[in-house]
Amino acid sequence: MKTSTVVRLGKPTSVPSVVGRHDESFLTVREVAERLHVKVSTIHEWTRRRNTNPIPHYPVSRKVTYYRWSEVSAWIQAQRVAA
């Protein structure tokens, strides 16, 4: 598994990247929340399994979950309501 380094607030963290997906890196819950201009708790709520259509995500542990922006973006588009 290839890894890339993401630097946030001066602290480097290693985020896994899957080869074959055009090196699209994973995002943390905080990064997804920042891109969508919502609270981290909102992303957690949208990710919960009891939700009928949760955001696609990759749980690594009980406290760590990663997202792919392309999948989050597709999920948002699927939520559109016809006018």
PDB file of N, CA and C in Angstrom:
ATOM      1  N   MET A   1       0.838  -1.164   0.000  1.00  0.00           N
ATOM      2  CA  MET A   1       0.000   0.000   0.000  1.00  0.00           C
ATOM      3  C   MET A   1       0.886   1.232   0.000  1.00  0.00           C
ATOM      4  N   LYS A   2       0.641   2.134  -0.905  1.00  0.00           N
ATOM      5  CA  LYS A   2       1.386   3.369  -1.016  1.00  0.00           C
ATOM      6  C   LYS A   2       0.816   4.379  -0.016  1.00  0.00           C
ATOM      7  N   THR A   3       1.671   5.204   0.568  1.00  0.00           N
ATOM      8  CA  THR A   3       1.183   6.225   1.489  1.00  0.00           C
ATOM      9  C   THR A   3       1.643   7.593   1.027  1.00  0.00           C
ATOM     10  N   SER A   4       0.842   8.597   1.355  1.00  0.00           N
ATOM     11  CA  SER A   4       1.231   9.969   1.085  1.00  0.00           C
ATOM     12  C   SER A   4       1.199  10.709   2.412  1.00  0.00           C
ATOM     13  N   THR A   5       1.951  11.786   2.482  1.00  0.00           N
ATOM     14  CA  THR A   5       2.014  12.541   3.727  1.00  0.00           C
ATOM     15  C   THR A   5       1.162  13.790   3.603  1.00  0.00           C
ATOM     16  N   VAL A   6       0.304  14.007   4.598  1.00  0.00           N
ATOM     17  CA  VAL A   6      -0.547  15.186   4.662  1.00  0.00           C
ATOM     18  C   VAL A   6      -0.088  16.002   5.853  1.00  0.00           C
ATOM     19  N   VAL A   7       0.158  17.285   5.652  1.00  0.00           N
ATOM     20  CA  VAL A   7       0.615  18.131   6.740  1.00  0.00           C
ATOM     21  C   VAL A   7      -0.522  19.051   7.149  1.00  0.00           C
ATOM     22  N   ARG A   8      -0.916  18.965   8.421  1.00  0.00           N
ATOM     23  CA  ARG A   8      -1.975  19.803   8.974  1.00  0.00           C
ATOM     24  C   ARG A   8      -1.469  20.404  10.271  1.00  0.00           C
ATOM     25  N   LEU A   9      -1.503  21.700  10.360  1.00  0.00           N
ATOM     26  CA  LEU A   9      -1.087  22.402  11.564  1.00  0.00           C
ATOM     27  C   LEU A   9       0.317  22.005  12.010  1.00  0.00           C
ATOM     28  N   GLY A  10       1.192  21.770  11.049  1.00  0.00           N
ATOM     29  CA  GLY A  10       2.571  21.464  11.359  1.00  0.00           C
ATOM     30  C   GLY A  10       2.828  20.038  11.792  1.00  0.00           C
ATOM     31  N   LYS A  11       1.790  19.206  11.889  1.00  0.00           N
ATOM     32  CA  LYS A  11       1.968  17.818  12.302  1.00  0.00           C
ATOM     33  C   LYS A  11       1.786  16.898  11.091  1.00  0.00           C
ATOM     34  N   PRO A  12       2.838  16.204  10.628  1.00  0.00           N
ATOM     35  CA  PRO A  12       2.672  15.294   9.506  1.00  0.00           C
ATOM     36  C   PRO A  12       1.946  14.023   9.943  1.00  0.00           C
ATOM     37  N   THR A  13       1.025  13.591   9.116  1.00  0.00           N
ATOM     38  CA  THR A  13       0.330  12.330   9.358  1.00  0.00           C
ATOM     39  C   THR A  13       0.390  11.528   8.069  1.00  0.00           C
ATOM     40  N   SER A  14       0.396  10.242   8.196  1.00  0.00           N
ATOM     41  CA  SER A  14       0.452   9.377   7.030  1.00  0.00           C
ATOM     42  C   SER A  14      -0.949   8.913   6.684  1.00  0.00           C
ATOM     43  N   VAL A  15      -1.354   9.193   5.446  1.00  0.00           N
ATOM     44  CA  VAL A  15      -2.680   8.809   4.974  1.00  0.00           C
ATOM     45  C   VAL A  15      -2.498   7.818   3.837  1.00  0.00           C
ATOM     46  N   PRO A  16      -3.132   6.635   3.897  1.00  0.00           N
ATOM     47  CA  PRO A  16      -2.964   5.646   2.848  1.00  0.00           C
ATOM     48  C   PRO A  16      -3.545   6.108   1.518  1.00  0.00           C
ATOM     49  N   SER A  17      -2.943   5.670   0.445  1.00  0.00           N
ATOM     50  CA  SER A  17      -3.432   5.960  -0.895  1.00  0.00           C
ATOM     51  C   SER A  17      -3.434   4.652  -1.677  1.00  0.00           C
ATOM     52  N   VAL A  18      -4.503   4.388  -2.394  1.00  0.00           N
ATOM     53  CA  VAL A  18      -4.625   3.138  -3.137  1.00  0.00           C
ATOM     54  C   VAL A  18      -4.158   3.366  -4.567  1.00  0.00           C
ATOM     55  N   VAL A  19      -3.253   2.531  -5.046  1.00  0.00           N
ATOM     56  CA  VAL A  19      -2.753   2.623  -6.408  1.00  0.00           C
ATOM     57  C   VAL A  19      -3.863   2.186  -7.353  1.00  0.00           C
ATOM     58  N   GLY A  20      -3.972   2.856  -8.501  1.00  0.00           N
ATOM     59  CA  GLY A  20      -4.995   2.496  -9.465  1.00  0.00           C
ATOM     60  C   GLY A  20      -6.203   3.420  -9.410  1.00  0.00           C
ATOM     61  N   ARG A  21      -6.237   4.320  -8.467  1.00  0.00           N
ATOM     62  CA  ARG A  21      -7.333   5.280  -8.360  1.00  0.00           C
ATOM     63  C   ARG A  21      -6.800   6.664  -8.729  1.00  0.00           C
ATOM     64  N   HIS A  22      -5.820   6.732  -9.613  1.00  0.00           N
ATOM     65  CA  HIS A  22      -5.191   7.966 -10.047  1.00  0.00           C
ATOM     66  C   HIS A  22      -4.595   8.716  -8.864  1.00  0.00           C
ATOM     67  N   ASP A  23      -4.122   7.961  -7.875  1.00  0.00           N
ATOM     68  CA  ASP A  23      -3.480   8.517  -6.685  1.00  0.00           C
ATOM     69  C   ASP A  23      -4.339   9.547  -5.962  1.00  0.00           C
ATOM     70  N   GLU A  24      -5.656   9.372  -6.032  1.00  0.00           N
ATOM     71  CA  GLU A  24      -6.553  10.231  -5.258  1.00  0.00           C
ATOM     72  C   GLU A  24      -6.371   9.865  -3.792  1.00  0.00           C
ATOM     73  N   SER A  25      -5.955  10.817  -2.990  1.00  0.00           N
ATOM     74  CA  SER A  25      -5.689  10.516  -1.592  1.00  0.00           C
ATOM     75  C   SER A  25      -6.975  10.548  -0.773  1.00  0.00           C
ATOM     76  N   PHE A  26      -6.883   9.981   0.399  1.00  0.00           N
ATOM     77  CA  PHE A  26      -8.003   9.969   1.320  1.00  0.00           C
ATOM     78  C   PHE A  26      -8.073  11.303   2.064  1.00  0.00           C
ATOM     79  N   LEU A  27      -9.280  11.663   2.489  1.00  0.00           N
ATOM     80  CA  LEU A  27      -9.491  12.861   3.290  1.00  0.00           C
ATOM     81  C   LEU A  27      -9.951  12.448   4.677  1.00  0.00           C
ATOM     82  N   THR A  28      -9.623  13.254   5.665  1.00  0.00           N
ATOM     83  CA  THR A  28     -10.109  13.013   7.017  1.00  0.00           C
ATOM     84  C   THR A  28     -11.501  13.622   7.147  1.00  0.00           C
ATOM     85  N   VAL A  29     -12.177  13.295   8.232  1.00  0.00           N
ATOM     86  CA  VAL A  29     -13.508  13.852   8.467  1.00  0.00           C
ATOM     87  C   VAL A  29     -13.438  15.378   8.568  1.00  0.00           C
ATOM     88  N   ARG A  30     -12.390  15.903   9.167  1.00  0.00           N
ATOM     89  CA  ARG A  30     -12.232  17.355   9.294  1.00  0.00           C
ATOM     90  C   ARG A  30     -12.068  18.008   7.922  1.00  0.00           C
ATOM     91  N   GLU A  31     -11.289  17.382   7.035  1.00  0.00           N
ATOM     92  CA  GLU A  31     -11.084  17.941   5.696  1.00  0.00           C
ATOM     93  C   GLU A  31     -12.378  17.935   4.886  1.00  0.00           C
ATOM     94  N   VAL A  32     -13.165  16.883   5.004  1.00  0.00           N
ATOM     95  CA  VAL A  32     -14.457  16.823   4.307  1.00  0.00           C
ATOM     96  C   VAL A  32     -15.375  17.918   4.848  1.00  0.00           C
ATOM     97  N   ALA A  33     -15.417  18.074   6.164  1.00  0.00           N
ATOM     98  CA  ALA A  33     -16.254  19.108   6.778  1.00  0.00           C
ATOM     99  C   ALA A  33     -15.843  20.502   6.303  1.00  0.00           C
ATOM    100  N   GLU A  34     -14.538  20.744   6.216  1.00  0.00           N
ATOM    101  CA  GLU A  34     -14.055  22.043   5.746  1.00  0.00           C
ATOM    102  C   GLU A  34     -14.471  22.293   4.304  1.00  0.00           C
ATOM    103  N   ARG A  35     -14.359  21.298   3.457  1.00  0.00           N
ATOM    104  CA  ARG A  35     -14.735  21.461   2.044  1.00  0.00           C
ATOM    105  C   ARG A  35     -16.227  21.709   1.874  1.00  0.00           C
ATOM    106  N   LEU A  36     -17.045  21.115   2.734  1.00  0.00           N
ATOM    107  CA  LEU A  36     -18.497  21.266   2.635  1.00  0.00           C
ATOM    108  C   LEU A  36     -19.036  22.409   3.498  1.00  0.00           C
ATOM    109  N   HIS A  37     -18.164  23.043   4.271  1.00  0.00           N
ATOM    110  CA  HIS A  37     -18.551  24.151   5.146  1.00  0.00           C
ATOM    111  C   HIS A  37     -19.631  23.728   6.144  1.00  0.00           C
ATOM    112  N   VAL A  38     -19.415  22.570   6.756  1.00  0.00           N
ATOM    113  CA  VAL A  38     -20.308  22.069   7.804  1.00  0.00           C
ATOM    114  C   VAL A  38     -19.461  21.636   8.992  1.00  0.00           C
ATOM    115  N   LYS A  39     -20.118  21.349  10.107  1.00  0.00           N
ATOM    116  CA  LYS A  39     -19.411  20.886  11.299  1.00  0.00           C
ATOM    117  C   LYS A  39     -18.982  19.435  11.136  1.00  0.00           C
ATOM    118  N   VAL A  40     -17.935  19.062  11.853  1.00  0.00           N
ATOM    119  CA  VAL A  40     -17.456  17.681  11.857  1.00  0.00           C
ATOM    120  C   VAL A  40     -18.571  16.743  12.329  1.00  0.00           C
ATOM    121  N   SER A  41     -19.358  17.192  13.303  1.00  0.00           N
ATOM    122  CA  SER A  41     -20.454  16.357  13.817  1.00  0.00           C
ATOM    123  C   SER A  41     -21.494  16.066  12.729  1.00  0.00           C
ATOM    124  N   THR A  42     -21.676  16.993  11.797  1.00  0.00           N
ATOM    125  CA  THR A  42     -22.607  16.770  10.684  1.00  0.00           C
ATOM    126  C   THR A  42     -22.095  15.650   9.793  1.00  0.00           C
ATOM    127  N   ILE A  43     -20.797  15.633   9.507  1.00  0.00           N
ATOM    128  CA  ILE A  43     -20.214  14.562   8.695  1.00  0.00           C
ATOM    129  C   ILE A  43     -20.364  13.228   9.417  1.00  0.00           C
ATOM    130  N   HIS A  44     -20.136  13.203  10.723  1.00  0.00           N
ATOM    131  CA  HIS A  44     -20.325  11.972  11.492  1.00  0.00           C
ATOM    132  C   HIS A  44     -21.771  11.486  11.382  1.00  0.00           C
ATOM    133  N   GLU A  45     -22.699  12.396  11.480  1.00  0.00           N
ATOM    134  CA  GLU A  45     -24.128  12.025  11.390  1.00  0.00           C
ATOM    135  C   GLU A  45     -24.458  11.480   9.998  1.00  0.00           C
ATOM    136  N   TRP A  46     -23.946  12.106   8.951  1.00  0.00           N
ATOM    137  CA  TRP A  46     -24.205  11.649   7.585  1.00  0.00           C
ATOM    138  C   TRP A  46     -23.531  10.315   7.294  1.00  0.00           C
ATOM    139  N   THR A  47     -22.524   9.956   8.084  1.00  0.00           N
ATOM    140  CA  THR A  47     -21.774   8.717   7.873  1.00  0.00           C
ATOM    141  C   THR A  47     -22.368   7.542   8.642  1.00  0.00           C
ATOM    142  N   ARG A  48     -23.172   7.801   9.644  1.00  0.00           N
ATOM    143  CA  ARG A  48     -23.697   6.717  10.494  1.00  0.00           C
ATOM    144  C   ARG A  48     -24.413   5.646   9.699  1.00  0.00           C
ATOM    145  N   ARG A  49     -24.250   4.420  10.138  1.00  0.00           N
ATOM    146  CA  ARG A  49     -24.847   3.273   9.455  1.00  0.00           C
ATOM    147  C   ARG A  49     -26.367   3.276   9.510  1.00  0.00           C
ATOM    148  N   ARG A  50     -26.933   3.868  10.561  1.00  0.00           N
ATOM    149  CA  ARG A  50     -28.391   3.881  10.660  1.00  0.00           C
ATOM    150  C   ARG A  50     -29.017   4.838   9.650  1.00  0.00           C
ATOM    151  N   ASN A  51     -28.204   5.691   9.075  1.00  0.00           N
ATOM    152  CA  ASN A  51     -28.655   6.574   8.019  1.00  0.00           C
ATOM    153  C   ASN A  51     -29.008   5.700   6.810  1.00  0.00           C
ATOM    154  N   THR A  52     -30.102   5.990   6.114  1.00  0.00           N
ATOM    155  CA  THR A  52     -30.520   5.144   4.991  1.00  0.00           C
ATOM    156  C   THR A  52     -29.560   5.215   3.815  1.00  0.00           C
ATOM    157  N   ASN A  53     -28.841   6.319   3.672  1.00  0.00           N
ATOM    158  CA  ASN A  53     -27.897   6.468   2.568  1.00  0.00           C
ATOM    159  C   ASN A  53     -26.660   7.218   3.069  1.00  0.00           C
ATOM    160  N   PRO A  54     -25.766   6.533   3.808  1.00  0.00           N
ATOM    161  CA  PRO A  54     -24.603   7.222   4.380  1.00  0.00           C
ATOM    162  C   PRO A  54     -23.566   7.625   3.335  1.00  0.00           C
ATOM    163  N   ILE A  55     -22.739   8.602   3.682  1.00  0.00           N
ATOM    164  CA  ILE A  55     -21.623   8.998   2.821  1.00  0.00           C
ATOM    165  C   ILE A  55     -20.684   7.799   2.696  1.00  0.00           C
ATOM    166  N   PRO A  56     -20.210   7.492   1.481  1.00  0.00           N
ATOM    167  CA  PRO A  56     -19.215   6.410   1.340  1.00  0.00           C
ATOM    168  C   PRO A  56     -17.973   6.740   2.166  1.00  0.00           C
ATOM    169  N   HIS A  57     -17.520   5.781   2.938  1.00  0.00           N
ATOM    170  CA  HIS A  57     -16.391   6.029   3.824  1.00  0.00           C
ATOM    171  C   HIS A  57     -15.593   4.748   4.050  1.00  0.00           C
ATOM    172  N   TYR A  58     -14.400   4.919   4.604  1.00  0.00           N
ATOM    173  CA  TYR A  58     -13.476   3.825   4.866  1.00  0.00           C
ATOM    174  C   TYR A  58     -13.082   3.859   6.339  1.00  0.00           C
ATOM    175  N   PRO A  59     -13.801   3.139   7.198  1.00  0.00           N
ATOM    176  CA  PRO A  59     -13.426   3.129   8.611  1.00  0.00           C
ATOM    177  C   PRO A  59     -12.141   2.339   8.823  1.00  0.00           C
ATOM    178  N   VAL A  60     -11.179   2.961   9.459  1.00  0.00           N
ATOM    179  CA  VAL A  60      -9.895   2.324   9.728  1.00  0.00           C
ATOM    180  C   VAL A  60      -9.889   1.773  11.149  1.00  0.00           C
ATOM    181  N   SER A  61     -10.489   2.523  12.050  1.00  0.00           N
ATOM    182  CA  SER A  61     -10.632   2.099  13.436  1.00  0.00           C
ATOM    183  C   SER A  61     -11.891   2.759  13.985  1.00  0.00           C
ATOM    184  N   ARG A  62     -12.130   2.571  15.252  1.00  0.00           N
ATOM    185  CA  ARG A  62     -13.319   3.169  15.859  1.00  0.00           C
ATOM    186  C   ARG A  62     -13.321   4.693  15.770  1.00  0.00           C
ATOM    187  N   LYS A  63     -12.138   5.295  15.801  1.00  0.00           N
ATOM    188  CA  LYS A  63     -12.035   6.749  15.796  1.00  0.00           C
ATOM    189  C   LYS A  63     -11.490   7.352  14.502  1.00  0.00           C
ATOM    190  N   VAL A  64     -11.080   6.532  13.555  1.00  0.00           N
ATOM    191  CA  VAL A  64     -10.475   7.043  12.326  1.00  0.00           C
ATOM    192  C   VAL A  64     -11.274   6.554  11.121  1.00  0.00           C
ATOM    193  N   THR A  65     -11.723   7.507  10.303  1.00  0.00           N
ATOM    194  CA  THR A  65     -12.463   7.209   9.077  1.00  0.00           C
ATOM    195  C   THR A  65     -11.915   8.092   7.972  1.00  0.00           C
ATOM    196  N   TYR A  66     -11.742   7.524   6.793  1.00  0.00           N
ATOM    197  CA  TYR A  66     -11.280   8.287   5.642  1.00  0.00           C
ATOM    198  C   TYR A  66     -12.365   8.330   4.576  1.00  0.00           C
ATOM    199  N   TYR A  67     -12.278   9.343   3.726  1.00  0.00           N
ATOM    200  CA  TYR A  67     -13.237   9.559   2.641  1.00  0.00           C
ATOM    201  C   TYR A  67     -12.467   9.874   1.372  1.00  0.00           C
ATOM    202  N   ARG A  68     -13.080   9.595   0.222  1.00  0.00           N
ATOM    203  CA  ARG A  68     -12.538  10.017  -1.076  1.00  0.00           C
ATOM    204  C   ARG A  68     -13.443  11.136  -1.576  1.00  0.00           C
ATOM    205  N   TRP A  69     -12.841  12.245  -1.999  1.00  0.00           N
ATOM    206  CA  TRP A  69     -13.640  13.385  -2.415  1.00  0.00           C
ATOM    207  C   TRP A  69     -14.536  13.037  -3.600  1.00  0.00           C
ATOM    208  N   SER A  70     -14.071  12.241  -4.541  1.00  0.00           N
ATOM    209  CA  SER A  70     -14.886  11.884  -5.706  1.00  0.00           C
ATOM    210  C   SER A  70     -16.149  11.138  -5.273  1.00  0.00           C
ATOM    211  N   GLU A  71     -16.036  10.276  -4.252  1.00  0.00           N
ATOM    212  CA  GLU A  71     -17.194   9.529  -3.758  1.00  0.00           C
ATOM    213  C   GLU A  71     -18.138  10.423  -2.956  1.00  0.00           C
ATOM    214  N   VAL A  72     -17.570  11.352  -2.186  1.00  0.00           N
ATOM    215  CA  VAL A  72     -18.402  12.296  -1.435  1.00  0.00           C
ATOM    216  C   VAL A  72     -19.160  13.192  -2.409  1.00  0.00           C
ATOM    217  N   SER A  73     -18.470  13.662  -3.432  1.00  0.00           N
ATOM    218  CA  SER A  73     -19.092  14.517  -4.428  1.00  0.00           C
ATOM    219  C   SER A  73     -20.224  13.782  -5.158  1.00  0.00           C
ATOM    220  N   ALA A  74     -19.994  12.536  -5.519  1.00  0.00           N
ATOM    221  CA  ALA A  74     -21.039  11.740  -6.176  1.00  0.00           C
ATOM    222  C   ALA A  74     -22.224  11.522  -5.234  1.00  0.00           C
ATOM    223  N   TRP A  75     -21.953  11.313  -3.949  1.00  0.00           N
ATOM    224  CA  TRP A  75     -23.012  11.143  -2.954  1.00  0.00           C
ATOM    225  C   TRP A  75     -23.865  12.397  -2.859  1.00  0.00           C
ATOM    226  N   ILE A  76     -23.207  13.564  -2.875  1.00  0.00           N
ATOM    227  CA  ILE A  76     -23.925  14.839  -2.817  1.00  0.00           C
ATOM    228  C   ILE A  76     -24.827  14.985  -4.038  1.00  0.00           C
ATOM    229  N   GLN A  77     -24.302  14.676  -5.203  1.00  0.00           N
ATOM    230  CA  GLN A  77     -25.107  14.769  -6.430  1.00  0.00           C
ATOM    231  C   GLN A  77     -26.317  13.844  -6.388  1.00  0.00           C
ATOM    232  N   ALA A  78     -26.154  12.672  -5.780  1.00  0.00           N
ATOM    233  CA  ALA A  78     -27.252  11.711  -5.676  1.00  0.00           C
ATOM    234  C   ALA A  78     -28.336  12.191  -4.721  1.00  0.00           C
ATOM    235  N   GLN A  79     -28.004  13.133  -3.835  1.00  0.00           N
ATOM    236  CA  GLN A  79     -28.964  13.663  -2.865  1.00  0.00           C
ATOM    237  C   GLN A  79     -29.858  14.751  -3.463  1.00  0.00           C
ATOM    238  N   ARG A  80     -29.543  15.181  -4.675  1.00  0.00           N
ATOM    239  CA  ARG A  80     -30.318  16.255  -5.311  1.00  0.00           C
ATOM    240  C   ARG A  80     -31.782  15.885  -5.429  1.00  0.00           C
ATOM    241  N   VAL A  81     -32.612  16.851  -5.161  1.00  0.00           N
ATOM    242  CA  VAL A  81     -34.058  16.678  -5.314  1.00  0.00           C
ATOM    243  C   VAL A  81     -34.488  17.459  -6.547  1.00  0.00           C
ATOM    244  N   ALA A  82     -35.223  16.784  -7.426  1.00  0.00           N
ATOM    245  CA  ALA A  82     -35.677  17.451  -8.644  1.00  0.00           C
ATOM    246  C   ALA A  82     -36.631  18.583  -8.295  1.00  0.00           C
ATOM    247  N   ALA A  83     -36.449  19.709  -8.974  1.00  0.00           N
ATOM    248  CA  ALA A  83     -37.303  20.879  -8.692  1.00  0.00           C
ATOM    249  C   ALA A  83     -38.587  20.831  -9.470  1.00  0.00           C
TER     250      ALA A  83
END
